[in-house]
Amino acid sequence: MIGRAFGLALLCLSLPLPCAGAGQLRVAHNNLLPPFAELKEGRTVGLVVDIFRAAAERSGYTVEFVPVPLEQMESALKDGRATASIPTASTPERRERLDFSDPLLMTGGALYVRAPDATPDNLQSLAGKTVVTPGTGPLAAFIRKTAPAVRLVVTDDYETSLARLASGEVDAAALNYQAGALLAARLHPGKLTMPRTMFLELPFGAAVLKGQNADVLTRLNAGLAAIRADGTWDRINKGWMGQ
């Protein structure tokens, strides 16, 4: 306990403002995006939630989480319900409107196929094949742009995408690497091949409105560096993903 307090004191000295004034952060999160963040039995839980909370605590913040639907993540920042949002993929389009912390976690798109088939090498190897993906998120637009020869089918959610793949209706599913793995193992155990690589990598960060709350990002980045250095980040990731 003394060692932790001393470490926090050193971190406070390294930041531009005294930690005692850091106060509370209101943070919007997607209310249904396992394993990253979700509202479960009235509690905010998830891999990115735990990483963010640990980094914020090292920076002297307490956190109040505000669960919102995916489509309200950015509006929650604009209307003042929250100062930051997680998890938010840092894309070129979003960086025009938002500023981001250092990555909380690397995520991205991966290809799922039926077992025992091997994971396709890339999207281009699926030319002429049918690939399913949810309409939310960046994957559908990326596939249309970079692999136009793929027959793309857009669904409402991950569950529908995985069900169509498991039943043999489509050749592959393009899903988030971590979220897809969790749901595939839960809903269709042993029926799908788990990918080891991503065809699109994106950093998940904490986002704030562009040009605002730069001090919050500075503090969070210091906290992230601290939990990576002492092994906390690695323990949280292994605890959730078993890697």
C-alpha atoms as a PDB file:
ATOM      1  CA  MET A   1       0.000   0.000   0.000  1.00  0.00           C
ATOM      2  CA  ILE A   2       2.823   2.404   0.876  1.00  0.00           C
ATOM      3  CA  GLY A   3       4.619   1.534  -2.349  1.00  0.00           C
ATOM      4  CA  ARG A   4       1.500   2.226  -4.403  1.00  0.00           C
ATOM      5  CA  ALA A   5       0.925   5.548  -2.661  1.00  0.00           C
ATOM      6  CA  PHE A   6       4.522   6.538  -3.261  1.00  0.00           C
ATOM      7  CA  GLY A   7       4.218   5.584  -6.930  1.00  0.00           C
ATOM      8  CA  LEU A   8       1.079   7.699  -7.290  1.00  0.00           C
ATOM      9  CA  ALA A   9       2.829  10.617  -5.620  1.00  0.00           C
ATOM     10  CA  LEU A  10       5.666  10.395  -8.141  1.00  0.00           C
ATOM     11  CA  LEU A  11       3.130  10.269 -10.994  1.00  0.00           C
ATOM     12  CA  CYS A  12       1.381  13.362  -9.658  1.00  0.00           C
ATOM     13  CA  LEU A  13       4.674  15.246  -9.574  1.00  0.00           C
ATOM     14  CA  SER A  14       5.251  14.391 -13.232  1.00  0.00           C
ATOM     15  CA  LEU A  15       1.877  15.740 -14.408  1.00  0.00           C
ATOM     16  CA  PRO A  16       1.125  19.396 -15.236  1.00  0.00           C
ATOM     17  CA  LEU A  17      -1.598  19.784 -12.595  1.00  0.00           C
ATOM     18  CA  PRO A  18      -1.843  18.467  -9.029  1.00  0.00           C
ATOM     19  CA  CYS A  19      -3.590  15.091  -8.828  1.00  0.00           C
ATOM     20  CA  ALA A  20      -5.739  16.319  -5.969  1.00  0.00           C
ATOM     21  CA  GLY A  21      -7.578  18.487  -8.478  1.00  0.00           C
ATOM     22  CA  ALA A  22      -8.150  15.754 -11.032  1.00  0.00           C
ATOM     23  CA  GLY A  23     -11.566  14.864  -9.573  1.00  0.00           C
ATOM     24  CA  GLN A  24     -14.163  12.697 -11.233  1.00  0.00           C
ATOM     25  CA  LEU A  25     -14.484  11.774 -14.893  1.00  0.00           C
ATOM     26  CA  ARG A  26     -17.834  10.998 -16.500  1.00  0.00           C
ATOM     27  CA  VAL A  27     -17.123   8.466 -19.226  1.00  0.00           C
ATOM     28  CA  ALA A  28     -19.609   7.254 -21.823  1.00  0.00           C
ATOM     29  CA  HIS A  29     -19.296   3.659 -22.968  1.00  0.00           C
ATOM     30  CA  ASN A  30     -21.099   1.390 -25.406  1.00  0.00           C
ATOM     31  CA  ASN A  31     -23.723  -0.397 -23.334  1.00  0.00           C
ATOM     32  CA  LEU A  32     -23.420  -3.653 -25.314  1.00  0.00           C
ATOM     33  CA  LEU A  33     -19.969  -4.456 -26.723  1.00  0.00           C
ATOM     34  CA  PRO A  34     -18.538  -7.510 -24.973  1.00  0.00           C
ATOM     35  CA  PRO A  35     -15.795  -8.157 -24.055  1.00  0.00           C
ATOM     36  CA  PHE A  36     -14.783  -4.476 -24.240  1.00  0.00           C
ATOM     37  CA  ALA A  37     -17.623  -2.729 -22.414  1.00  0.00           C
ATOM     38  CA  GLU A  38     -21.211  -3.499 -21.482  1.00  0.00           C
ATOM     39  CA  LEU A  39     -23.850  -2.906 -18.862  1.00  0.00           C
ATOM     40  CA  LYS A  40     -24.339  -6.225 -17.096  1.00  0.00           C
ATOM     41  CA  GLU A  41     -26.720  -6.655 -14.162  1.00  0.00           C
ATOM     42  CA  GLY A  42     -26.563  -2.915 -13.562  1.00  0.00           C
ATOM     43  CA  ARG A  43     -22.742  -2.747 -13.577  1.00  0.00           C
ATOM     44  CA  THR A  44     -20.307  -1.466 -16.172  1.00  0.00           C
ATOM     45  CA  VAL A  45     -17.841  -4.252 -16.982  1.00  0.00           C
ATOM     46  CA  GLY A  46     -15.379  -5.127 -19.721  1.00  0.00           C
ATOM     47  CA  LEU A  47     -11.775  -5.411 -20.846  1.00  0.00           C
ATOM     48  CA  VAL A  48     -11.457  -1.789 -21.970  1.00  0.00           C
ATOM     49  CA  VAL A  49     -13.409  -0.645 -18.911  1.00  0.00           C
ATOM     50  CA  ASP A  50     -10.873  -2.299 -16.586  1.00  0.00           C
ATOM     51  CA  ILE A  51      -7.909  -0.889 -18.523  1.00  0.00           C
ATOM     52  CA  PHE A  52      -9.387   2.612 -18.511  1.00  0.00           C
ATOM     53  CA  ARG A  53     -10.301   2.468 -14.818  1.00  0.00           C
ATOM     54  CA  ALA A  54      -6.785   1.357 -13.853  1.00  0.00           C
ATOM     55  CA  ALA A  55      -5.165   4.120 -15.934  1.00  0.00           C
ATOM     56  CA  ALA A  56      -7.553   6.764 -14.595  1.00  0.00           C
ATOM     57  CA  GLU A  57      -6.925   5.753 -10.993  1.00  0.00           C
ATOM     58  CA  ARG A  58      -3.164   6.031 -11.549  1.00  0.00           C
ATOM     59  CA  SER A  59      -3.820   9.549 -12.854  1.00  0.00           C
ATOM     60  CA  GLY A  60      -5.766  10.556  -9.743  1.00  0.00           C
ATOM     61  CA  TYR A  61      -9.258  10.302 -11.256  1.00  0.00           C
ATOM     62  CA  THR A  62     -12.336   8.516 -10.037  1.00  0.00           C
ATOM     63  CA  VAL A  63     -14.624   7.387 -12.838  1.00  0.00           C
ATOM     64  CA  GLU A  64     -18.389   7.482 -13.273  1.00  0.00           C
ATOM     65  CA  PHE A  65     -19.411   5.370 -16.259  1.00  0.00           C
ATOM     66  CA  VAL A  66     -22.369   6.419 -18.410  1.00  0.00           C
ATOM     67  CA  PRO A  67     -23.743   3.531 -20.509  1.00  0.00           C
ATOM     68  CA  VAL A  68     -25.192   4.640 -23.864  1.00  0.00           C
ATOM     69  CA  PRO A  69     -26.144   2.972 -27.172  1.00  0.00           C
ATOM     70  CA  LEU A  70     -23.433   2.919 -29.830  1.00  0.00           C
ATOM     71  CA  GLU A  71     -25.056   5.689 -31.844  1.00  0.00           C
ATOM     72  CA  GLN A  72     -24.993   8.044 -28.822  1.00  0.00           C
ATOM     73  CA  MET A  73     -21.294   7.734 -27.998  1.00  0.00           C
ATOM     74  CA  GLU A  74     -20.293  10.986 -29.680  1.00  0.00           C
ATOM     75  CA  SER A  75     -23.481  12.885 -28.829  1.00  0.00           C
ATOM     76  CA  ALA A  76     -22.870  12.124 -25.143  1.00  0.00           C
ATOM     77  CA  LEU A  77     -19.694  14.217 -25.419  1.00  0.00           C
ATOM     78  CA  LYS A  78     -21.446  17.037 -27.243  1.00  0.00           C
ATOM     79  CA  ASP A  79     -24.382  17.354 -24.839  1.00  0.00           C
ATOM     80  CA  GLY A  80     -22.218  17.169 -21.712  1.00  0.00           C
ATOM     81  CA  ARG A  81     -23.294  13.783 -20.403  1.00  0.00           C
ATOM     82  CA  ALA A  82     -19.654  12.697 -20.500  1.00  0.00           C
ATOM     83  CA  THR A  83     -16.151  14.147 -20.872  1.00  0.00           C
ATOM     84  CA  ALA A  84     -14.702  11.087 -22.607  1.00  0.00           C
ATOM     85  CA  SER A  85     -15.970   7.995 -24.386  1.00  0.00           C
ATOM     86  CA  ILE A  86     -14.684   4.403 -24.521  1.00  0.00           C
ATOM     87  CA  PRO A  87     -14.024   2.266 -26.398  1.00  0.00           C
ATOM     88  CA  THR A  88     -13.689   4.406 -29.525  1.00  0.00           C
ATOM     89  CA  ALA A  89     -11.699   3.250 -32.548  1.00  0.00           C
ATOM     90  CA  SER A  90      -9.335   5.961 -33.774  1.00  0.00           C
ATOM     91  CA  THR A  91     -10.120   6.303 -37.483  1.00  0.00           C
ATOM     92  CA  PRO A  92      -9.142   9.178 -39.827  1.00  0.00           C
ATOM     93  CA  GLU A  93     -12.779  10.295 -40.005  1.00  0.00           C
ATOM     94  CA  ARG A  94     -13.188  10.387 -36.239  1.00  0.00           C
ATOM     95  CA  ARG A  95      -9.874  12.189 -35.720  1.00  0.00           C
ATOM     96  CA  GLU A  96     -11.377  15.143 -37.597  1.00  0.00           C
ATOM     97  CA  ARG A  97     -13.925  15.546 -34.788  1.00  0.00           C
ATOM     98  CA  LEU A  98     -12.265  13.961 -31.754  1.00  0.00           C
ATOM     99  CA  ASP A  99      -8.931  13.826 -29.939  1.00  0.00           C
ATOM    100  CA  PHE A 100      -7.716  10.454 -28.671  1.00  0.00           C
ATOM    101  CA  SER A 101      -5.641   9.098 -25.833  1.00  0.00           C
ATOM    102  CA  ASP A 102      -2.827   6.678 -26.460  1.00  0.00           C
ATOM    103  CA  PRO A 103      -4.242   3.235 -27.327  1.00  0.00           C
ATOM    104  CA  LEU A 104      -6.003   1.419 -24.525  1.00  0.00           C
ATOM    105  CA  LEU A 105      -5.964  -1.693 -26.695  1.00  0.00           C
ATOM    106  CA  MET A 106      -5.298  -2.680 -30.296  1.00  0.00           C
ATOM    107  CA  THR A 107      -8.309  -4.176 -32.005  1.00  0.00           C
ATOM    108  CA  GLY A 108      -9.556  -4.583 -35.548  1.00  0.00           C
ATOM    109  CA  GLY A 109     -11.194  -6.869 -38.072  1.00  0.00           C
ATOM    110  CA  ALA A 110     -10.587 -10.615 -38.343  1.00  0.00           C
ATOM    111  CA  LEU A 111     -11.944 -13.358 -40.578  1.00  0.00           C
ATOM    112  CA  TYR A 112     -13.908 -16.282 -39.157  1.00  0.00           C
ATOM    113  CA  VAL A 113     -14.636 -19.480 -41.089  1.00  0.00           C
ATOM    114  CA  ARG A 114     -16.126 -22.857 -40.247  1.00  0.00           C
ATOM    115  CA  ALA A 115     -13.869 -25.394 -38.569  1.00  0.00           C
ATOM    116  CA  PRO A 116     -11.657 -27.109 -39.557  1.00  0.00           C
ATOM    117  CA  ASP A 117     -10.980 -24.683 -42.438  1.00  0.00           C
ATOM    118  CA  ALA A 118      -7.947 -22.438 -42.018  1.00  0.00           C
ATOM    119  CA  THR A 119      -8.294 -18.688 -41.653  1.00  0.00           C
ATOM    120  CA  PRO A 120      -8.054 -16.975 -45.081  1.00  0.00           C
ATOM    121  CA  ASP A 121      -4.790 -15.154 -45.678  1.00  0.00           C
ATOM    122  CA  ASN A 122      -6.553 -11.864 -46.462  1.00  0.00           C
ATOM    123  CA  LEU A 123      -9.743 -10.358 -47.843  1.00  0.00           C
ATOM    124  CA  GLN A 124      -8.522 -10.641 -51.431  1.00  0.00           C
ATOM    125  CA  SER A 125      -8.364 -14.427 -51.111  1.00  0.00           C
ATOM    126  CA  LEU A 126     -12.149 -14.359 -50.624  1.00  0.00           C
ATOM    127  CA  ALA A 127     -12.864 -12.821 -54.041  1.00  0.00           C
ATOM    128  CA  GLY A 128     -16.142 -14.238 -55.318  1.00  0.00           C
ATOM    129  CA  LYS A 129     -16.973 -15.590 -51.858  1.00  0.00           C
ATOM    130  CA  THR A 130     -19.752 -14.378 -49.573  1.00  0.00           C
ATOM    131  CA  VAL A 131     -18.628 -12.556 -46.433  1.00  0.00           C
ATOM    132  CA  VAL A 132     -21.003 -11.377 -43.734  1.00  0.00           C
ATOM    133  CA  THR A 133     -20.396  -8.488 -41.333  1.00  0.00           C
ATOM    134  CA  PRO A 134     -22.517  -6.260 -39.073  1.00  0.00           C
ATOM    135  CA  GLY A 135     -23.442  -2.820 -40.420  1.00  0.00           C
ATOM    136  CA  THR A 136     -22.201  -1.043 -37.297  1.00  0.00           C
ATOM    137  CA  GLY A 137     -18.500  -0.264 -37.097  1.00  0.00           C
ATOM    138  CA  PRO A 138     -15.878   0.310 -39.797  1.00  0.00           C
ATOM    139  CA  LEU A 139     -15.550  -3.163 -41.363  1.00  0.00           C
ATOM    140  CA  ALA A 140     -18.288  -3.027 -44.013  1.00  0.00           C
ATOM    141  CA  ALA A 141     -16.959   0.221 -45.493  1.00  0.00           C
ATOM    142  CA  PHE A 142     -13.384  -1.076 -45.379  1.00  0.00           C
ATOM    143  CA  ILE A 143     -14.309  -4.281 -47.229  1.00  0.00           C
ATOM    144  CA  ARG A 144     -16.233  -2.383 -49.906  1.00  0.00           C
ATOM    145  CA  LYS A 145     -13.265  -0.106 -50.468  1.00  0.00           C
ATOM    146  CA  THR A 146     -10.385  -2.574 -50.383  1.00  0.00           C
ATOM    147  CA  ALA A 147     -11.971  -5.849 -51.543  1.00  0.00           C
ATOM    148  CA  PRO A 148     -14.748  -5.015 -54.031  1.00  0.00           C
ATOM    149  CA  ALA A 149     -14.674  -8.556 -55.465  1.00  0.00           C
ATOM    150  CA  VAL A 150     -15.999  -9.926 -52.157  1.00  0.00           C
ATOM    151  CA  ARG A 151     -19.750 -10.543 -52.032  1.00  0.00           C
ATOM    152  CA  LEU A 152     -20.567  -8.566 -48.919  1.00  0.00           C
ATOM    153  CA  VAL A 153     -23.686  -9.251 -46.849  1.00  0.00           C
ATOM    154  CA  VAL A 154     -24.453  -6.748 -44.075  1.00  0.00           C
ATOM    155  CA  THR A 155     -26.420  -7.830 -41.002  1.00  0.00           C
ATOM    156  CA  ASP A 156     -27.786  -6.103 -37.922  1.00  0.00           C
ATOM    157  CA  ASP A 157     -25.523  -7.740 -35.351  1.00  0.00           C
ATOM    158  CA  TYR A 158     -22.779 -10.220 -34.499  1.00  0.00           C
ATOM    159  CA  GLU A 159     -25.179 -12.975 -33.484  1.00  0.00           C
ATOM    160  CA  THR A 160     -26.849 -13.017 -36.900  1.00  0.00           C
ATOM    161  CA  SER A 161     -23.490 -12.922 -38.695  1.00  0.00           C
ATOM    162  CA  LEU A 162     -22.153 -15.886 -36.718  1.00  0.00           C
ATOM    163  CA  ALA A 163     -25.366 -17.877 -37.130  1.00  0.00           C
ATOM    164  CA  ARG A 164     -25.235 -17.492 -40.912  1.00  0.00           C
ATOM    165  CA  LEU A 165     -21.612 -18.602 -40.945  1.00  0.00           C
ATOM    166  CA  ALA A 166     -22.188 -21.605 -38.673  1.00  0.00           C
ATOM    167  CA  SER A 167     -25.165 -22.751 -40.784  1.00  0.00           C
ATOM    168  CA  GLY A 168     -23.146 -22.601 -44.002  1.00  0.00           C
ATOM    169  CA  GLU A 169     -25.095 -19.736 -45.597  1.00  0.00           C
ATOM    170  CA  VAL A 170     -21.895 -17.694 -46.081  1.00  0.00           C
ATOM    171  CA  ASP A 171     -18.223 -18.468 -46.556  1.00  0.00           C
ATOM    172  CA  ALA A 172     -16.737 -16.204 -43.877  1.00  0.00           C
ATOM    173  CA  ALA A 173     -17.588 -13.572 -41.299  1.00  0.00           C
ATOM    174  CA  ALA A 174     -15.640 -10.351 -40.809  1.00  0.00           C
ATOM    175  CA  LEU A 175     -15.876  -9.414 -37.145  1.00  0.00           C
ATOM    176  CA  ASN A 176     -13.983  -7.597 -34.448  1.00  0.00           C
ATOM    177  CA  TYR A 177     -11.033  -9.756 -33.392  1.00  0.00           C
ATOM    178  CA  GLN A 178     -11.764  -9.928 -29.648  1.00  0.00           C
ATOM    179  CA  ALA A 179     -15.558  -9.568 -29.666  1.00  0.00           C
ATOM    180  CA  GLY A 180     -15.923 -12.121 -32.451  1.00  0.00           C
ATOM    181  CA  ALA A 181     -13.764 -14.660 -30.635  1.00  0.00           C
ATOM    182  CA  LEU A 182     -15.752 -14.314 -27.420  1.00  0.00           C
ATOM    183  CA  LEU A 183     -19.147 -14.658 -29.097  1.00  0.00           C
ATOM    184  CA  ALA A 184     -18.044 -17.437 -31.457  1.00  0.00           C
ATOM    185  CA  ALA A 185     -16.806 -19.540 -28.535  1.00  0.00           C
ATOM    186  CA  ARG A 186     -19.954 -18.808 -26.537  1.00  0.00           C
ATOM    187  CA  LEU A 187     -22.573 -19.314 -29.267  1.00  0.00           C
ATOM    188  CA  HIS A 188     -20.956 -21.908 -31.563  1.00  0.00           C
ATOM    189  CA  PRO A 189     -18.319 -23.788 -29.549  1.00  0.00           C
ATOM    190  CA  GLY A 190     -15.983 -25.872 -31.691  1.00  0.00           C
ATOM    191  CA  LYS A 191     -17.744 -25.001 -34.947  1.00  0.00           C
ATOM    192  CA  LEU A 192     -15.647 -22.025 -36.067  1.00  0.00           C
ATOM    193  CA  THR A 193     -11.931 -21.404 -36.594  1.00  0.00           C
ATOM    194  CA  MET A 194     -10.543 -18.713 -34.305  1.00  0.00           C
ATOM    195  CA  PRO A 195      -8.309 -16.259 -36.203  1.00  0.00           C
ATOM    196  CA  ARG A 196      -4.788 -15.429 -35.052  1.00  0.00           C
ATOM    197  CA  THR A 197      -4.337 -12.251 -37.088  1.00  0.00           C
ATOM    198  CA  MET A 198      -6.310  -9.159 -38.100  1.00  0.00           C
ATOM    199  CA  PHE A 199      -6.849  -7.873 -41.630  1.00  0.00           C
ATOM    200  CA  LEU A 200      -7.446  -4.369 -40.238  1.00  0.00           C
ATOM    201  CA  GLU A 201      -5.826  -3.004 -37.075  1.00  0.00           C
ATOM    202  CA  LEU A 202      -7.334  -0.089 -35.179  1.00  0.00           C
ATOM    203  CA  PRO A 203      -6.374   1.439 -31.828  1.00  0.00           C
ATOM    204  CA  PHE A 204      -9.130   1.641 -29.222  1.00  0.00           C
ATOM    205  CA  GLY A 205      -8.664   4.858 -27.268  1.00  0.00           C
ATOM    206  CA  ALA A 206     -10.499   7.247 -25.003  1.00  0.00           C
ATOM    207  CA  ALA A 207     -11.990  10.073 -27.080  1.00  0.00           C
ATOM    208  CA  VAL A 208     -12.786  13.682 -26.172  1.00  0.00           C
ATOM    209  CA  LEU A 209     -14.169  16.486 -28.306  1.00  0.00           C
ATOM    210  CA  LYS A 210     -11.493  17.966 -30.556  1.00  0.00           C
ATOM    211  CA  GLY A 211      -9.597  20.818 -28.950  1.00  0.00           C
ATOM    212  CA  GLN A 212     -11.101  20.195 -25.511  1.00  0.00           C
ATOM    213  CA  ASN A 213      -9.859  18.444 -22.347  1.00  0.00           C
ATOM    214  CA  ALA A 214      -6.251  18.076 -23.468  1.00  0.00           C
ATOM    215  CA  ASP A 215      -5.265  17.881 -19.789  1.00  0.00           C
ATOM    216  CA  VAL A 216      -7.479  14.815 -19.362  1.00  0.00           C
ATOM    217  CA  LEU A 217      -5.692  13.026 -22.195  1.00  0.00           C
ATOM    218  CA  THR A 218      -2.284  14.004 -20.800  1.00  0.00           C
ATOM    219  CA  ARG A 219      -3.156  12.489 -17.431  1.00  0.00           C
ATOM    220  CA  LEU A 220      -4.683   9.358 -18.933  1.00  0.00           C
ATOM    221  CA  ASN A 221      -1.626   8.787 -21.129  1.00  0.00           C
ATOM    222  CA  ALA A 222       0.611   8.976 -18.064  1.00  0.00           C
ATOM    223  CA  GLY A 223      -1.633   6.488 -16.302  1.00  0.00           C
ATOM    224  CA  LEU A 224      -1.580   4.152 -19.296  1.00  0.00           C
ATOM    225  CA  ALA A 225       2.204   4.257 -19.406  1.00  0.00           C
ATOM    226  CA  ALA A 226       2.300   3.392 -15.708  1.00  0.00           C
ATOM    227  CA  ILE A 227       0.010   0.348 -15.923  1.00  0.00           C
ATOM    228  CA  ARG A 228       1.875  -0.967 -18.966  1.00  0.00           C
ATOM    229  CA  ALA A 229       5.207  -0.561 -17.191  1.00  0.00           C
ATOM    230  CA  ASP A 230       4.230  -2.416 -14.020  1.00  0.00           C
ATOM    231  CA  GLY A 231       2.348  -5.290 -15.715  1.00  0.00           C
ATOM    232  CA  THR A 232      -1.188  -4.223 -14.760  1.00  0.00           C
ATOM    233  CA  TRP A 233      -2.269  -3.834 -18.404  1.00  0.00           C
ATOM    234  CA  ASP A 234      -0.996  -7.308 -19.249  1.00  0.00           C
ATOM    235  CA  ARG A 235      -2.738  -8.913 -16.267  1.00  0.00           C
ATOM    236  CA  ILE A 236      -6.059  -7.289 -17.173  1.00  0.00           C
ATOM    237  CA  ASN A 237      -5.802  -8.393 -20.804  1.00  0.00           C
ATOM    238  CA  LYS A 238      -4.898 -11.978 -19.888  1.00  0.00           C
ATOM    239  CA  GLY A 239      -7.688 -12.086 -17.330  1.00  0.00           C
ATOM    240  CA  TRP A 240     -10.289 -11.254 -19.976  1.00  0.00           C
ATOM    241  CA  MET A 241      -8.927 -12.985 -23.057  1.00  0.00           C
ATOM    242  CA  GLY A 242      -6.935 -15.855 -21.547  1.00  0.00           C
ATOM    243  CA  GLN A 243      -3.907 -15.031 -23.733  1.00  0.00           C
END
